Amino acid sequence: MARSSHAWSVRTARDRSEAPARARLLDAAEAVFARLGHGPATVAEITAEAGVSRAGFYVYFASKEEIFRVLAARVRDAFLAAQDVPGVDTDDVRAVAEASVGAFVAAYARHLPLLGQVEQRARTDAGLAELWQEIRERPVHRHARYIRRLTAGGRAHPAADPLAVARAVGALCVEFARQSAARPDTHEQCVRDATALYLRLLGVEEE
């Protein structure tokens, strides 16, 4: 009897974070914010999009502001995950470059509407400002560490300091992601072009 009376409100944080309904709410919230903007978006719109009750929303999130922050953190994590290349031979620099550039361009294009809102709200919200800084800087510094390892092993001869190359590659990938978002039919060409430029900056010429 005690087991059946356990409410969602007393489940562990891990239970709540792994629930399918939470994932649906996050996807729905991103779609609603992209469609309406942060100001006009409401919890009612999000729950309707997700097919989750209003009470169900408050099991996972305290407010619209909280789910927005969680979405910002999810974008940060998506960009970091783009640098992981499961199934790719990590000794193959070209294959790693193509896979990671492709994943980043796809992730940035997917989250582009939300990114603009995060950047805007970060100007007046200290918590979001910190997240926005992480979104912009953590992937760059992680990439710079990777370039330093390649350079130390004699497998790359970067055109500039590794951090400068990482910043340049991030910037060009953002531009190609914007093009891909505007014209999805150009995605594959965007990835090819961005990868070619990346390899040149890295000092690893295409074969």
C-alpha atoms as a PDB file:
ATOM      1  CA  MET A   1       0.000   0.000   0.000  1.00  0.00           C
ATOM      2  CA  ALA A   2       2.828   2.361   0.880  1.00  0.00           C
ATOM      3  CA  ARG A   3       4.424   1.723  -2.525  1.00  0.00           C
ATOM      4  CA  SER A   4       1.253   2.546  -4.459  1.00  0.00           C
ATOM      5  CA  SER A   5       0.742   5.782  -2.535  1.00  0.00           C
ATOM      6  CA  HIS A   6       4.162   7.188  -3.469  1.00  0.00           C
ATOM      7  CA  ALA A   7       3.577  10.450  -5.306  1.00  0.00           C
ATOM      8  CA  TRP A   8       5.708  11.956  -8.032  1.00  0.00           C
ATOM      9  CA  SER A   9       6.576  14.746  -5.652  1.00  0.00           C
ATOM     10  CA  VAL A  10       8.625  12.386  -3.472  1.00  0.00           C
ATOM     11  CA  ARG A  11      10.467  10.597  -6.241  1.00  0.00           C
ATOM     12  CA  THR A  12      14.172  11.165  -6.513  1.00  0.00           C
ATOM     13  CA  ALA A  13      15.632  13.887  -8.695  1.00  0.00           C
ATOM     14  CA  ARG A  14      17.046  11.175 -10.951  1.00  0.00           C
ATOM     15  CA  ASP A  15      13.586   9.622 -11.397  1.00  0.00           C
ATOM     16  CA  ARG A  16      12.199  12.979 -12.444  1.00  0.00           C
ATOM     17  CA  SER A  17      15.075  13.885 -14.749  1.00  0.00           C
ATOM     18  CA  GLU A  18      14.843  10.590 -16.648  1.00  0.00           C
ATOM     19  CA  ALA A  19      11.077  10.548 -17.089  1.00  0.00           C
ATOM     20  CA  PRO A  20       9.777  10.557 -20.696  1.00  0.00           C
ATOM     21  CA  ALA A  21       7.224  13.239 -19.779  1.00  0.00           C
ATOM     22  CA  ARG A  22      10.042  15.584 -18.780  1.00  0.00           C
ATOM     23  CA  ALA A  23      11.727  15.122 -22.137  1.00  0.00           C
ATOM     24  CA  ARG A  24       8.437  15.813 -23.908  1.00  0.00           C
ATOM     25  CA  LEU A  25       7.984  18.988 -21.896  1.00  0.00           C
ATOM     26  CA  LEU A  26      11.487  20.187 -22.782  1.00  0.00           C
ATOM     27  CA  ASP A  27      10.984  19.530 -26.490  1.00  0.00           C
ATOM     28  CA  ALA A  28       7.572  21.186 -26.364  1.00  0.00           C
ATOM     29  CA  ALA A  29       8.927  24.191 -24.479  1.00  0.00           C
ATOM     30  CA  GLU A  30      11.669  24.735 -27.041  1.00  0.00           C
ATOM     31  CA  ALA A  31       9.096  24.561 -29.855  1.00  0.00           C
ATOM     32  CA  VAL A  32       6.792  27.012 -28.065  1.00  0.00           C
ATOM     33  CA  PHE A  33       9.593  29.472 -27.256  1.00  0.00           C
ATOM     34  CA  ALA A  34      10.752  29.288 -30.883  1.00  0.00           C
ATOM     35  CA  ARG A  35       7.236  29.905 -32.180  1.00  0.00           C
ATOM     36  CA  LEU A  36       6.008  32.554 -29.742  1.00  0.00           C
ATOM     37  CA  GLY A  37       9.073  34.003 -28.052  1.00  0.00           C
ATOM     38  CA  HIS A  38       9.809  33.935 -24.332  1.00  0.00           C
ATOM     39  CA  GLY A  39       7.370  36.658 -23.266  1.00  0.00           C
ATOM     40  CA  PRO A  40       4.166  35.351 -24.892  1.00  0.00           C
ATOM     41  CA  ALA A  41       4.953  31.690 -24.158  1.00  0.00           C
ATOM     42  CA  THR A  42       2.965  30.221 -21.272  1.00  0.00           C
ATOM     43  CA  VAL A  43       2.969  27.049 -19.227  1.00  0.00           C
ATOM     44  CA  ALA A  44      -0.441  26.276 -20.742  1.00  0.00           C
ATOM     45  CA  GLU A  45       1.010  26.461 -24.271  1.00  0.00           C
ATOM     46  CA  ILE A  46       3.894  24.198 -23.270  1.00  0.00           C
ATOM     47  CA  THR A  47       1.708  21.565 -21.630  1.00  0.00           C
ATOM     48  CA  ALA A  48      -0.702  21.560 -24.573  1.00  0.00           C
ATOM     49  CA  GLU A  49       2.214  21.064 -26.972  1.00  0.00           C
ATOM     50  CA  ALA A  50       3.611  18.234 -24.835  1.00  0.00           C
ATOM     51  CA  GLY A  51       0.299  16.544 -24.082  1.00  0.00           C
ATOM     52  CA  VAL A  52       1.083  16.761 -20.359  1.00  0.00           C
ATOM     53  CA  SER A  53      -1.234  18.141 -17.688  1.00  0.00           C
ATOM     54  CA  ARG A  54      -0.478  21.448 -15.985  1.00  0.00           C
ATOM     55  CA  ALA A  55      -0.042  19.548 -12.723  1.00  0.00           C
ATOM     56  CA  GLY A  56       2.386  17.256 -14.517  1.00  0.00           C
ATOM     57  CA  PHE A  57       4.456  20.249 -15.576  1.00  0.00           C
ATOM     58  CA  TYR A  58       4.987  21.316 -11.964  1.00  0.00           C
ATOM     59  CA  VAL A  59       6.273  17.865 -11.061  1.00  0.00           C
ATOM     60  CA  TYR A  60       9.376  18.648 -13.087  1.00  0.00           C
ATOM     61  CA  PHE A  61       9.650  22.436 -13.263  1.00  0.00           C
ATOM     62  CA  ALA A  62       8.748  25.214 -10.880  1.00  0.00           C
ATOM     63  CA  SER A  63       8.016  27.794 -13.569  1.00  0.00           C
ATOM     64  CA  LYS A  64       8.408  28.881 -17.166  1.00  0.00           C
ATOM     65  CA  GLU A  65      11.682  30.532 -16.161  1.00  0.00           C
ATOM     66  CA  GLU A  66      13.055  27.285 -14.785  1.00  0.00           C
ATOM     67  CA  ILE A  67      12.288  25.248 -17.883  1.00  0.00           C
ATOM     68  CA  PHE A  68      13.881  27.995 -19.988  1.00  0.00           C
ATOM     69  CA  ARG A  69      17.078  27.727 -17.930  1.00  0.00           C
ATOM     70  CA  VAL A  70      17.048  23.929 -18.244  1.00  0.00           C
ATOM     71  CA  LEU A  71      16.704  24.324 -22.006  1.00  0.00           C
ATOM     72  CA  ALA A  72      19.703  26.665 -22.076  1.00  0.00           C
ATOM     73  CA  ALA A  73      21.737  24.077 -20.173  1.00  0.00           C
ATOM     74  CA  ARG A  74      20.559  21.389 -22.597  1.00  0.00           C
ATOM     75  CA  VAL A  75      21.852  23.459 -25.518  1.00  0.00           C
ATOM     76  CA  ARG A  76      25.218  23.860 -23.787  1.00  0.00           C
ATOM     77  CA  ASP A  77      25.396  20.101 -23.306  1.00  0.00           C
ATOM     78  CA  ALA A  78      24.391  19.486 -26.941  1.00  0.00           C
ATOM     79  CA  PHE A  79      27.327  21.585 -28.132  1.00  0.00           C
ATOM     80  CA  LEU A  80      29.719  19.725 -25.850  1.00  0.00           C
ATOM     81  CA  ALA A  81      28.286  16.394 -27.020  1.00  0.00           C
ATOM     82  CA  ALA A  82      28.923  17.432 -30.629  1.00  0.00           C
ATOM     83  CA  GLN A  83      32.624  17.168 -29.840  1.00  0.00           C
ATOM     84  CA  ASP A  84      32.243  13.500 -28.929  1.00  0.00           C
ATOM     85  CA  VAL A  85      32.331  11.212 -31.945  1.00  0.00           C
ATOM     86  CA  PRO A  86      31.137   7.721 -31.006  1.00  0.00           C
ATOM     87  CA  GLY A  87      31.820   5.164 -33.690  1.00  0.00           C
ATOM     88  CA  VAL A  88      34.537   7.301 -35.328  1.00  0.00           C
ATOM     89  CA  ASP A  89      38.206   6.317 -35.279  1.00  0.00           C
ATOM     90  CA  THR A  90      39.689   8.994 -33.039  1.00  0.00           C
ATOM     91  CA  ASP A  91      43.068   8.508 -34.738  1.00  0.00           C
ATOM     92  CA  ASP A  92      41.537   9.668 -38.011  1.00  0.00           C
ATOM     93  CA  VAL A  93      41.731  13.452 -37.689  1.00  0.00           C
ATOM     94  CA  ARG A  94      39.745  14.074 -40.874  1.00  0.00           C
ATOM     95  CA  ALA A  95      36.932  11.735 -39.829  1.00  0.00           C
ATOM     96  CA  VAL A  96      36.778  13.328 -36.387  1.00  0.00           C
ATOM     97  CA  ALA A  97      36.677  16.789 -37.970  1.00  0.00           C
ATOM     98  CA  GLU A  98      33.827  15.909 -40.320  1.00  0.00           C
ATOM     99  CA  ALA A  99      31.790  14.172 -37.610  1.00  0.00           C
ATOM    100  CA  SER A 100      32.231  16.888 -34.997  1.00  0.00           C
ATOM    101  CA  VAL A 101      31.647  19.762 -37.431  1.00  0.00           C
ATOM    102  CA  GLY A 102      28.545  18.022 -38.761  1.00  0.00           C
ATOM    103  CA  ALA A 103      27.178  17.458 -35.272  1.00  0.00           C
ATOM    104  CA  PHE A 104      27.853  21.044 -34.205  1.00  0.00           C
ATOM    105  CA  VAL A 105      26.309  22.600 -37.327  1.00  0.00           C
ATOM    106  CA  ALA A 106      23.221  20.404 -36.909  1.00  0.00           C
ATOM    107  CA  ALA A 107      22.899  21.211 -33.202  1.00  0.00           C
ATOM    108  CA  TYR A 108      23.344  24.945 -33.705  1.00  0.00           C
ATOM    109  CA  ALA A 109      20.841  25.034 -36.570  1.00  0.00           C
ATOM    110  CA  ARG A 110      18.325  23.086 -34.510  1.00  0.00           C
ATOM    111  CA  HIS A 111      18.609  25.348 -31.477  1.00  0.00           C
ATOM    112  CA  LEU A 112      19.071  28.636 -33.330  1.00  0.00           C
ATOM    113  CA  PRO A 113      15.706  30.229 -32.350  1.00  0.00           C
ATOM    114  CA  LEU A 114      16.290  29.462 -28.675  1.00  0.00           C
ATOM    115  CA  LEU A 115      19.879  30.701 -28.742  1.00  0.00           C
ATOM    116  CA  GLY A 116      18.789  34.185 -29.742  1.00  0.00           C
ATOM    117  CA  GLN A 117      16.387  34.330 -26.818  1.00  0.00           C
ATOM    118  CA  VAL A 118      18.988  33.026 -24.362  1.00  0.00           C
ATOM    119  CA  GLU A 119      21.444  35.686 -25.524  1.00  0.00           C
ATOM    120  CA  GLN A 120      18.832  38.420 -25.164  1.00  0.00           C
ATOM    121  CA  ARG A 121      17.657  37.394 -21.708  1.00  0.00           C
ATOM    122  CA  ALA A 122      21.235  36.874 -20.522  1.00  0.00           C
ATOM    123  CA  ARG A 123      21.643  40.662 -20.611  1.00  0.00           C
ATOM    124  CA  THR A 124      19.355  41.076 -17.605  1.00  0.00           C
ATOM    125  CA  ASP A 125      19.461  37.635 -15.912  1.00  0.00           C
ATOM    126  CA  ALA A 126      22.670  36.711 -14.085  1.00  0.00           C
ATOM    127  CA  GLY A 127      21.896  32.985 -14.096  1.00  0.00           C
ATOM    128  CA  LEU A 128      21.288  32.957 -17.825  1.00  0.00           C
ATOM    129  CA  ALA A 129      24.340  35.150 -18.375  1.00  0.00           C
ATOM    130  CA  GLU A 130      26.464  32.434 -16.782  1.00  0.00           C
ATOM    131  CA  LEU A 131      24.848  29.765 -18.941  1.00  0.00           C
ATOM    132  CA  TRP A 132      25.293  31.878 -22.068  1.00  0.00           C
ATOM    133  CA  GLN A 133      28.979  32.265 -21.240  1.00  0.00           C
ATOM    134  CA  GLU A 134      29.276  28.491 -20.877  1.00  0.00           C
ATOM    135  CA  ILE A 135      27.454  27.914 -24.172  1.00  0.00           C
ATOM    136  CA  ARG A 136      29.921  30.197 -25.924  1.00  0.00           C
ATOM    137  CA  GLU A 137      33.150  29.322 -24.123  1.00  0.00           C
ATOM    138  CA  ARG A 138      33.166  25.728 -22.897  1.00  0.00           C
ATOM    139  CA  PRO A 139      33.126  24.078 -26.345  1.00  0.00           C
ATOM    140  CA  VAL A 140      35.831  26.493 -27.555  1.00  0.00           C
ATOM    141  CA  HIS A 141      38.209  25.740 -24.688  1.00  0.00           C
ATOM    142  CA  ARG A 142      37.558  22.014 -24.937  1.00  0.00           C
ATOM    143  CA  HIS A 143      38.325  22.189 -28.664  1.00  0.00           C
ATOM    144  CA  ALA A 144      41.520  24.152 -28.014  1.00  0.00           C
ATOM    145  CA  ARG A 145      42.722  21.383 -25.684  1.00  0.00           C
ATOM    146  CA  TYR A 146      42.115  18.853 -28.464  1.00  0.00           C
ATOM    147  CA  ILE A 147      44.117  20.958 -30.946  1.00  0.00           C
ATOM    148  CA  ARG A 148      46.979  21.229 -28.446  1.00  0.00           C
ATOM    149  CA  ARG A 149      47.062  17.433 -28.123  1.00  0.00           C
ATOM    150  CA  LEU A 150      47.173  17.014 -31.902  1.00  0.00           C
ATOM    151  CA  THR A 151      49.910  19.632 -32.172  1.00  0.00           C
ATOM    152  CA  ALA A 152      52.006  18.041 -29.438  1.00  0.00           C
ATOM    153  CA  GLY A 153      51.740  14.717 -31.255  1.00  0.00           C
ATOM    154  CA  GLY A 154      52.821  16.260 -34.556  1.00  0.00           C
ATOM    155  CA  ARG A 155      49.464  15.463 -36.154  1.00  0.00           C
ATOM    156  CA  ALA A 156      48.425  19.075 -36.733  1.00  0.00           C
ATOM    157  CA  HIS A 157      50.170  22.327 -37.550  1.00  0.00           C
ATOM    158  CA  PRO A 158      47.580  24.981 -36.688  1.00  0.00           C
ATOM    159  CA  ALA A 159      47.617  28.318 -38.480  1.00  0.00           C
ATOM    160  CA  ALA A 160      47.556  30.175 -35.149  1.00  0.00           C
ATOM    161  CA  ASP A 161      47.435  29.583 -31.417  1.00  0.00           C
ATOM    162  CA  PRO A 162      45.102  26.621 -30.686  1.00  0.00           C
ATOM    163  CA  LEU A 163      42.631  28.806 -28.794  1.00  0.00           C
ATOM    164  CA  ALA A 164      42.503  31.278 -31.678  1.00  0.00           C
ATOM    165  CA  VAL A 165      41.921  28.431 -34.135  1.00  0.00           C
ATOM    166  CA  ALA A 166      39.192  26.996 -31.925  1.00  0.00           C
ATOM    167  CA  ARG A 167      37.452  30.380 -31.813  1.00  0.00           C
ATOM    168  CA  ALA A 168      37.753  30.825 -35.580  1.00  0.00           C
ATOM    169  CA  VAL A 169      36.381  27.346 -36.257  1.00  0.00           C
ATOM    170  CA  GLY A 170      33.500  27.947 -33.864  1.00  0.00           C
ATOM    171  CA  ALA A 171      32.640  31.218 -35.603  1.00  0.00           C
ATOM    172  CA  LEU A 172      32.705  29.761 -39.103  1.00  0.00           C
ATOM    173  CA  CYS A 173      30.613  26.779 -37.979  1.00  0.00           C
ATOM    174  CA  VAL A 174      28.025  29.180 -36.559  1.00  0.00           C
ATOM    175  CA  GLU A 175      27.788  30.957 -39.911  1.00  0.00           C
ATOM    176  CA  PHE A 176      27.378  27.689 -41.786  1.00  0.00           C
ATOM    177  CA  ALA A 177      24.778  26.594 -39.214  1.00  0.00           C
ATOM    178  CA  ARG A 178      22.791  29.754 -39.884  1.00  0.00           C
ATOM    179  CA  GLN A 179      22.893  29.014 -43.594  1.00  0.00           C
ATOM    180  CA  SER A 180      21.855  25.414 -42.958  1.00  0.00           C
ATOM    181  CA  ALA A 181      18.946  26.581 -40.788  1.00  0.00           C
ATOM    182  CA  ALA A 182      17.763  29.008 -43.476  1.00  0.00           C
ATOM    183  CA  ARG A 183      18.204  26.467 -46.263  1.00  0.00           C
ATOM    184  CA  PRO A 184      18.186  22.884 -44.938  1.00  0.00           C
ATOM    185  CA  ASP A 185      18.908  21.578 -48.449  1.00  0.00           C
ATOM    186  CA  THR A 186      22.419  23.079 -48.157  1.00  0.00           C
ATOM    187  CA  HIS A 187      23.283  21.272 -44.913  1.00  0.00           C
ATOM    188  CA  GLU A 188      25.611  18.660 -46.415  1.00  0.00           C
ATOM    189  CA  GLN A 189      27.474  21.263 -48.465  1.00  0.00           C
ATOM    190  CA  CYS A 190      27.756  23.492 -45.385  1.00  0.00           C
ATOM    191  CA  VAL A 191      29.338  20.640 -43.442  1.00  0.00           C
ATOM    192  CA  ARG A 192      31.766  19.855 -46.279  1.00  0.00           C
ATOM    193  CA  ASP A 193      32.827  23.484 -46.621  1.00  0.00           C
ATOM    194  CA  ALA A 194      33.162  24.030 -42.872  1.00  0.00           C
ATOM    195  CA  THR A 195      35.189  20.830 -42.520  1.00  0.00           C
ATOM    196  CA  ALA A 196      37.528  21.819 -45.356  1.00  0.00           C
ATOM    197  CA  LEU A 197      38.174  25.212 -43.779  1.00  0.00           C
ATOM    198  CA  TYR A 198      38.663  23.621 -40.369  1.00  0.00           C
ATOM    199  CA  LEU A 199      41.272  21.202 -41.706  1.00  0.00           C
ATOM    200  CA  ARG A 200      43.161  24.062 -43.348  1.00  0.00           C
ATOM    201  CA  LEU A 201      43.204  26.052 -40.104  1.00  0.00           C
ATOM    202  CA  LEU A 202      44.235  22.919 -38.256  1.00  0.00           C
ATOM    203  CA  GLY A 203      47.113  22.347 -40.654  1.00  0.00           C
ATOM    204  CA  VAL A 204      45.733  19.027 -41.897  1.00  0.00           C
ATOM    205  CA  GLU A 205      45.067  19.290 -45.591  1.00  0.00           C
ATOM    206  CA  GLU A 206      42.287  17.343 -47.242  1.00  0.00           C
ATOM    207  CA  GLU A 207      43.270  14.345 -49.317  1.00  0.00           C
END
